[in-house]
Amino acid sequence: MRIVLVDDHALFRDGVGALLEAWGHTVVGQAANGTEAIALVDRVLPELVLMDVRMPGPSGVETTKLIRARHPDIAIVMLTVSEDEDDLFNAIKAGAQGYLQKNLESAQFRLMLGAVERGEAAITPATAARILDEFQHPERVRADPDRLTDREVEVLRLVTTGLRNKEIAATLGITENTAKFHLKNILEKLHAESRVELATRAVREGLVERG
């Protein structure tokens, strides 16, 4: 495969690049941040982008969303140290085809790359279990969207896009404390325990329109 590496650590990029080349893949470019990644992908049109989650400037999740919008046929797999569930689910919602930890064994990493070549998801069994656990809650009461105010629906929609409280406040022209207040009310009304659960259920149950 023709692969682009996106990570703010040059030594890590070089190490992974050498491994990929040894396995017969071609590294067609490297980028240190999201801005560089978008320009590079536009220019070289790789088959796969291996993307870090947390980088200076646009995050890996934001960059993934932008690249997928411009090049829906290019596969993007997150390769990260982050075990944060927010990062995992936001990356998947942004269009990532996989989510791999950097402490992955090389043999398993090679298997995951093979999955991408076959058009499958690059997700380890442990990560798959986390995703299934998030989606399988039959004992929970189905949320009633009619209980939300118009402003709360706006906040909920922005939560599902992965925005943080500060970004939600800026988008809606309200204070960060007001955004937190709305989020607290939404969590209570929908009987959700975290913003990850909230975003997942909102998309799954059609509480907000898909963008």
C-alpha atoms as a PDB file:
ATOM      1  CA  MET A   1       0.000   0.000   0.000  1.00  0.00           C
ATOM      2  CA  ARG A   2       0.966   3.616  -0.505  1.00  0.00           C
ATOM      3  CA  ILE A   3       0.997   5.105   2.987  1.00  0.00           C
ATOM      4  CA  VAL A   4       1.298   8.546   4.575  1.00  0.00           C
ATOM      5  CA  LEU A   5       2.500   8.838   8.191  1.00  0.00           C
ATOM      6  CA  VAL A   6       1.197  11.682  10.360  1.00  0.00           C
ATOM      7  CA  ASP A   7       2.789  12.138  13.784  1.00  0.00           C
ATOM      8  CA  ASP A   8       4.533  15.010  15.540  1.00  0.00           C
ATOM      9  CA  HIS A   9       7.488  12.792  16.524  1.00  0.00           C
ATOM     10  CA  ALA A  10       9.935  12.415  13.639  1.00  0.00           C
ATOM     11  CA  LEU A  11      11.801   9.493  15.215  1.00  0.00           C
ATOM     12  CA  PHE A  12       8.565   7.521  15.563  1.00  0.00           C
ATOM     13  CA  ARG A  13       7.627   8.243  11.937  1.00  0.00           C
ATOM     14  CA  ASP A  14      11.034   7.066  10.748  1.00  0.00           C
ATOM     15  CA  GLY A  15      10.805   3.856  12.784  1.00  0.00           C
ATOM     16  CA  VAL A  16       7.323   2.952  11.575  1.00  0.00           C
ATOM     17  CA  GLY A  17       8.274   3.946   8.035  1.00  0.00           C
ATOM     18  CA  ALA A  18      11.247   1.563   8.028  1.00  0.00           C
ATOM     19  CA  LEU A  19       8.994  -1.249   9.268  1.00  0.00           C
ATOM     20  CA  LEU A  20       6.390  -0.579   6.589  1.00  0.00           C
ATOM     21  CA  GLU A  21       9.003  -0.494   3.820  1.00  0.00           C
ATOM     22  CA  ALA A  22      10.425  -3.807   5.077  1.00  0.00           C
ATOM     23  CA  TRP A  23       6.949  -5.320   4.697  1.00  0.00           C
ATOM     24  CA  GLY A  24       6.687  -4.179   1.088  1.00  0.00           C
ATOM     25  CA  HIS A  25       4.619  -1.038   1.561  1.00  0.00           C
ATOM     26  CA  THR A  26       5.620   2.373   0.207  1.00  0.00           C
ATOM     27  CA  VAL A  27       5.740   5.421   2.477  1.00  0.00           C
ATOM     28  CA  VAL A  28       4.869   8.228   0.079  1.00  0.00           C
ATOM     29  CA  GLY A  29       5.130  11.029   2.628  1.00  0.00           C
ATOM     30  CA  GLN A  30       5.311  12.138   6.257  1.00  0.00           C
ATOM     31  CA  ALA A  31       3.641  15.024   8.075  1.00  0.00           C
ATOM     32  CA  ALA A  32       4.173  16.456  11.553  1.00  0.00           C
ATOM     33  CA  ASN A  33       0.705  17.973  12.019  1.00  0.00           C
ATOM     34  CA  GLY A  34      -2.803  18.086  10.613  1.00  0.00           C
ATOM     35  CA  THR A  35      -2.239  21.063   8.340  1.00  0.00           C
ATOM     36  CA  GLU A  36       0.755  19.413   6.694  1.00  0.00           C
ATOM     37  CA  ALA A  37      -1.170  16.139   6.460  1.00  0.00           C
ATOM     38  CA  ILE A  38      -4.090  17.624   4.521  1.00  0.00           C
ATOM     39  CA  ALA A  39      -1.795  19.287   1.979  1.00  0.00           C
ATOM     40  CA  LEU A  40       0.311  16.127   1.641  1.00  0.00           C
ATOM     41  CA  VAL A  41      -2.679  13.841   1.148  1.00  0.00           C
ATOM     42  CA  ASP A  42      -4.102  16.207  -1.483  1.00  0.00           C
ATOM     43  CA  ARG A  43      -0.815  15.992  -3.348  1.00  0.00           C
ATOM     44  CA  VAL A  44       0.153  12.289  -3.159  1.00  0.00           C
ATOM     45  CA  LEU A  45      -3.285  10.601  -2.752  1.00  0.00           C
ATOM     46  CA  PRO A  46      -2.198   7.600  -0.653  1.00  0.00           C
ATOM     47  CA  GLU A  47      -4.244   4.464  -0.057  1.00  0.00           C
ATOM     48  CA  LEU A  48      -3.806   4.701   3.727  1.00  0.00           C
ATOM     49  CA  VAL A  49      -3.023   7.401   6.283  1.00  0.00           C
ATOM     50  CA  LEU A  50      -1.664   6.380   9.682  1.00  0.00           C
ATOM     51  CA  MET A  51      -2.695   9.254  11.943  1.00  0.00           C
ATOM     52  CA  ASP A  52      -1.765  10.240  15.491  1.00  0.00           C
ATOM     53  CA  VAL A  53      -4.662  11.547  17.607  1.00  0.00           C
ATOM     54  CA  ARG A  54      -3.054  14.345  19.590  1.00  0.00           C
ATOM     55  CA  MET A  55      -0.850  16.768  17.672  1.00  0.00           C
ATOM     56  CA  PRO A  56      -0.233  20.526  17.615  1.00  0.00           C
ATOM     57  CA  GLY A  57      -2.807  22.424  15.557  1.00  0.00           C
ATOM     58  CA  PRO A  58      -5.727  20.437  14.188  1.00  0.00           C
ATOM     59  CA  SER A  59      -6.064  17.197  16.144  1.00  0.00           C
ATOM     60  CA  GLY A  60      -5.893  13.841  14.448  1.00  0.00           C
ATOM     61  CA  VAL A  61      -9.663  13.518  14.760  1.00  0.00           C
ATOM     62  CA  GLU A  62     -10.287  16.923  13.152  1.00  0.00           C
ATOM     63  CA  THR A  63      -7.776  16.157  10.406  1.00  0.00           C
ATOM     64  CA  THR A  64      -9.393  12.781   9.773  1.00  0.00           C
ATOM     65  CA  LYS A  65     -12.785  14.424   9.339  1.00  0.00           C
ATOM     66  CA  LEU A  66     -11.368  16.948   6.864  1.00  0.00           C
ATOM     67  CA  ILE A  67      -9.459  14.367   4.823  1.00  0.00           C
ATOM     68  CA  ARG A  68     -12.435  12.004   4.691  1.00  0.00           C
ATOM     69  CA  ALA A  69     -14.629  14.841   3.419  1.00  0.00           C
ATOM     70  CA  ARG A  70     -12.160  15.538   0.590  1.00  0.00           C
ATOM     71  CA  HIS A  71     -11.068  11.955  -0.120  1.00  0.00           C
ATOM     72  CA  PRO A  72     -13.690   9.440   1.057  1.00  0.00           C
ATOM     73  CA  ASP A  73     -11.862   6.528  -0.607  1.00  0.00           C
ATOM     74  CA  ILE A  74      -8.657   6.993   1.418  1.00  0.00           C
ATOM     75  CA  ALA A  75      -8.465   4.793   4.519  1.00  0.00           C
ATOM     76  CA  ILE A  76      -7.378   6.438   7.771  1.00  0.00           C
ATOM     77  CA  VAL A  77      -6.224   4.474  10.800  1.00  0.00           C
ATOM     78  CA  MET A  78      -5.397   6.130  14.093  1.00  0.00           C
ATOM     79  CA  LEU A  79      -2.047   5.043  15.572  1.00  0.00           C
ATOM     80  CA  THR A  80      -1.823   6.556  19.038  1.00  0.00           C
ATOM     81  CA  VAL A  81      -0.922   6.237  22.709  1.00  0.00           C
ATOM     82  CA  SER A  82      -4.323   7.604  23.719  1.00  0.00           C
ATOM     83  CA  GLU A  83      -6.650   5.193  25.528  1.00  0.00           C
ATOM     84  CA  ASP A  84      -9.256   7.918  26.082  1.00  0.00           C
ATOM     85  CA  GLU A  85     -12.717   6.702  25.039  1.00  0.00           C
ATOM     86  CA  ASP A  86     -13.574  10.195  23.781  1.00  0.00           C
ATOM     87  CA  ASP A  87     -10.686   9.948  21.304  1.00  0.00           C
ATOM     88  CA  LEU A  88     -11.718   6.439  20.240  1.00  0.00           C
ATOM     89  CA  PHE A  89     -15.376   7.194  19.549  1.00  0.00           C
ATOM     90  CA  ASN A  90     -14.742  10.635  18.066  1.00  0.00           C
ATOM     91  CA  ALA A  91     -12.193   9.110  15.679  1.00  0.00           C
ATOM     92  CA  ILE A  92     -14.673   6.480  14.543  1.00  0.00           C
ATOM     93  CA  LYS A  93     -17.408   9.084  14.072  1.00  0.00           C
ATOM     94  CA  ALA A  94     -14.933  11.192  12.061  1.00  0.00           C
ATOM     95  CA  GLY A  95     -14.482   8.306   9.628  1.00  0.00           C
ATOM     96  CA  ALA A  96     -11.404   6.436  10.867  1.00  0.00           C
ATOM     97  CA  GLN A  97     -11.243   2.842   9.627  1.00  0.00           C
ATOM     98  CA  GLY A  98      -9.240   1.716  12.628  1.00  0.00           C
ATOM     99  CA  TYR A  99      -7.820   2.660  16.016  1.00  0.00           C
ATOM    100  CA  LEU A 100      -4.515   1.102  17.083  1.00  0.00           C
ATOM    101  CA  GLN A 101      -2.284   1.624  20.108  1.00  0.00           C
ATOM    102  CA  LYS A 102       1.393   2.422  19.578  1.00  0.00           C
ATOM    103  CA  ASN A 103       2.364  -0.359  21.991  1.00  0.00           C
ATOM    104  CA  LEU A 104       0.964  -2.915  19.515  1.00  0.00           C
ATOM    105  CA  GLU A 105       3.203  -5.890  18.726  1.00  0.00           C
ATOM    106  CA  SER A 106       4.676  -5.673  15.225  1.00  0.00           C
ATOM    107  CA  ALA A 107       3.082  -8.970  14.164  1.00  0.00           C
ATOM    108  CA  GLN A 108      -0.377  -7.752  15.145  1.00  0.00           C
ATOM    109  CA  PHE A 109       0.260  -4.391  13.483  1.00  0.00           C
ATOM    110  CA  ARG A 110       1.068  -6.233  10.248  1.00  0.00           C
ATOM    111  CA  LEU A 111      -2.174  -8.223  10.551  1.00  0.00           C
ATOM    112  CA  MET A 112      -4.141  -4.993  11.018  1.00  0.00           C
ATOM    113  CA  LEU A 113      -2.577  -3.536   7.874  1.00  0.00           C
ATOM    114  CA  GLY A 114      -3.686  -6.647   6.027  1.00  0.00           C
ATOM    115  CA  ALA A 115      -7.222  -6.030   7.271  1.00  0.00           C
ATOM    116  CA  VAL A 116      -7.115  -2.496   5.845  1.00  0.00           C
ATOM    117  CA  GLU A 117      -5.978  -3.837   2.461  1.00  0.00           C
ATOM    118  CA  ARG A 118      -9.042  -6.107   2.468  1.00  0.00           C
ATOM    119  CA  GLY A 119     -11.301  -3.163   3.270  1.00  0.00           C
ATOM    120  CA  GLU A 120     -11.867  -4.291   6.844  1.00  0.00           C
ATOM    121  CA  ALA A 121     -11.601  -2.338  10.082  1.00  0.00           C
ATOM    122  CA  ALA A 122      -8.202  -2.203  11.776  1.00  0.00           C
ATOM    123  CA  ILE A 123      -9.362  -2.738  15.350  1.00  0.00           C
ATOM    124  CA  THR A 124      -7.892  -5.113  17.923  1.00  0.00           C
ATOM    125  CA  PRO A 125     -10.194  -7.452  19.875  1.00  0.00           C
ATOM    126  CA  ALA A 126      -9.750  -5.307  22.991  1.00  0.00           C
ATOM    127  CA  THR A 127     -10.846  -2.150  21.183  1.00  0.00           C
ATOM    128  CA  ALA A 128     -13.738  -3.982  19.535  1.00  0.00           C
ATOM    129  CA  ALA A 129     -14.908  -5.062  22.995  1.00  0.00           C
ATOM    130  CA  ARG A 130     -14.896  -1.446  24.177  1.00  0.00           C
ATOM    131  CA  ILE A 131     -17.006  -0.391  21.194  1.00  0.00           C
ATOM    132  CA  LEU A 132     -19.495  -3.216  21.660  1.00  0.00           C
ATOM    133  CA  ASP A 133     -19.797  -2.436  25.353  1.00  0.00           C
ATOM    134  CA  GLU A 134     -20.653   1.169  24.496  1.00  0.00           C
ATOM    135  CA  PHE A 135     -23.369   0.178  22.046  1.00  0.00           C
ATOM    136  CA  GLN A 136     -24.943  -2.746  23.879  1.00  0.00           C
ATOM    137  CA  HIS A 137     -26.988  -1.336  26.758  1.00  0.00           C
ATOM    138  CA  PRO A 138     -30.404  -2.978  26.407  1.00  0.00           C
ATOM    139  CA  GLU A 139     -31.193  -2.364  30.048  1.00  0.00           C
ATOM    140  CA  ARG A 140     -31.087   1.419  29.671  1.00  0.00           C
ATOM    141  CA  VAL A 141     -34.257   3.406  29.101  1.00  0.00           C
ATOM    142  CA  ARG A 142     -34.575   4.866  25.595  1.00  0.00           C
ATOM    143  CA  ALA A 143     -34.132   8.617  25.666  1.00  0.00           C
ATOM    144  CA  ASP A 144     -36.999  10.977  24.872  1.00  0.00           C
ATOM    145  CA  PRO A 145     -35.714  13.817  22.637  1.00  0.00           C
ATOM    146  CA  ASP A 146     -38.905  15.830  23.226  1.00  0.00           C
ATOM    147  CA  ARG A 147     -37.696  16.574  26.731  1.00  0.00           C
ATOM    148  CA  LEU A 148     -34.811  18.673  25.427  1.00  0.00           C
ATOM    149  CA  THR A 149     -35.066  22.394  24.776  1.00  0.00           C
ATOM    150  CA  ASP A 150     -34.032  23.779  21.382  1.00  0.00           C
ATOM    151  CA  ARG A 151     -30.775  25.044  22.884  1.00  0.00           C
ATOM    152  CA  GLU A 152     -30.067  21.668  24.465  1.00  0.00           C
ATOM    153  CA  VAL A 153     -30.594  19.977  21.085  1.00  0.00           C
ATOM    154  CA  GLU A 154     -28.051  22.405  19.590  1.00  0.00           C
ATOM    155  CA  VAL A 155     -25.555  21.549  22.332  1.00  0.00           C
ATOM    156  CA  LEU A 156     -26.198  17.823  21.890  1.00  0.00           C
ATOM    157  CA  ARG A 157     -25.592  18.082  18.143  1.00  0.00           C
ATOM    158  CA  LEU A 158     -22.220  19.754  18.761  1.00  0.00           C
ATOM    159  CA  VAL A 159     -21.284  17.133  21.365  1.00  0.00           C
ATOM    160  CA  THR A 160     -21.780  14.420  18.723  1.00  0.00           C
ATOM    161  CA  THR A 161     -19.274  16.188  16.438  1.00  0.00           C
ATOM    162  CA  GLY A 162     -16.621  15.904  19.149  1.00  0.00           C
ATOM    163  CA  LEU A 163     -16.496  19.539  20.255  1.00  0.00           C
ATOM    164  CA  ARG A 164     -15.419  20.363  23.815  1.00  0.00           C
ATOM    165  CA  ASN A 165     -17.309  22.738  26.100  1.00  0.00           C
ATOM    166  CA  LYS A 166     -15.143  25.732  25.172  1.00  0.00           C
ATOM    167  CA  GLU A 167     -15.676  25.086  21.450  1.00  0.00           C
ATOM    168  CA  ILE A 168     -19.415  24.576  21.930  1.00  0.00           C
ATOM    169  CA  ALA A 169     -19.608  27.898  23.774  1.00  0.00           C
ATOM    170  CA  ALA A 170     -17.750  29.707  20.985  1.00  0.00           C
ATOM    171  CA  THR A 171     -19.947  28.144  18.291  1.00  0.00           C
ATOM    172  CA  LEU A 172     -23.195  29.090  20.015  1.00  0.00           C
ATOM    173  CA  GLY A 173     -22.054  32.473  21.335  1.00  0.00           C
ATOM    174  CA  ILE A 174     -22.534  31.531  24.995  1.00  0.00           C
ATOM    175  CA  THR A 175     -20.186  31.288  27.961  1.00  0.00           C
ATOM    176  CA  GLU A 176     -18.338  28.074  28.753  1.00  0.00           C
ATOM    177  CA  ASN A 177     -20.205  27.861  32.086  1.00  0.00           C
ATOM    178  CA  THR A 178     -23.523  28.058  30.235  1.00  0.00           C
ATOM    179  CA  ALA A 179     -22.401  25.283  27.903  1.00  0.00           C
ATOM    180  CA  LYS A 180     -21.490  23.144  30.935  1.00  0.00           C
ATOM    181  CA  PHE A 181     -24.898  23.879  32.464  1.00  0.00           C
ATOM    182  CA  HIS A 182     -26.714  22.760  29.311  1.00  0.00           C
ATOM    183  CA  LEU A 183     -24.581  19.621  29.086  1.00  0.00           C
ATOM    184  CA  LYS A 184     -25.343  18.762  32.723  1.00  0.00           C
ATOM    185  CA  ASN A 185     -29.071  19.097  32.032  1.00  0.00           C
ATOM    186  CA  ILE A 186     -28.825  16.941  28.907  1.00  0.00           C
ATOM    187  CA  LEU A 187     -26.955  14.200  30.769  1.00  0.00           C
ATOM    188  CA  GLU A 188     -29.640  14.195  33.468  1.00  0.00           C
ATOM    189  CA  LYS A 189     -32.575  14.227  31.039  1.00  0.00           C
ATOM    190  CA  LEU A 190     -31.202  11.449  28.869  1.00  0.00           C
ATOM    191  CA  HIS A 191     -29.928   9.405  31.834  1.00  0.00           C
ATOM    192  CA  ALA A 192     -26.412   9.294  30.391  1.00  0.00           C
ATOM    193  CA  GLU A 193     -23.288   8.935  32.497  1.00  0.00           C
ATOM    194  CA  SER A 194     -20.709  10.528  30.192  1.00  0.00           C
ATOM    195  CA  ARG A 195     -20.451  12.641  27.060  1.00  0.00           C
ATOM    196  CA  VAL A 196     -19.157   9.566  25.192  1.00  0.00           C
ATOM    197  CA  GLU A 197     -22.336   7.661  26.039  1.00  0.00           C
ATOM    198  CA  LEU A 198     -24.370  10.759  25.228  1.00  0.00           C
ATOM    199  CA  ALA A 199     -22.839  11.218  21.778  1.00  0.00           C
ATOM    200  CA  THR A 200     -23.064   7.529  20.935  1.00  0.00           C
ATOM    201  CA  ARG A 201     -26.715   7.226  21.921  1.00  0.00           C
ATOM    202  CA  ALA A 202     -27.650  10.503  20.226  1.00  0.00           C
ATOM    203  CA  VAL A 203     -26.331   9.236  16.882  1.00  0.00           C
ATOM    204  CA  ARG A 204     -27.589   5.671  17.328  1.00  0.00           C
ATOM    205  CA  GLU A 205     -31.088   6.675  18.397  1.00  0.00           C
ATOM    206  CA  GLY A 206     -31.464   9.544  15.925  1.00  0.00           C
ATOM    207  CA  LEU A 207     -31.769  12.274  18.560  1.00  0.00           C
ATOM    208  CA  VAL A 208     -29.853  14.642  16.275  1.00  0.00           C
ATOM    209  CA  GLU A 209     -29.677  14.899  12.519  1.00  0.00           C
ATOM    210  CA  ARG A 210     -26.558  13.430  10.961  1.00  0.00           C
ATOM    211  CA  GLY A 211     -24.301  15.994   9.327  1.00  0.00           C
END
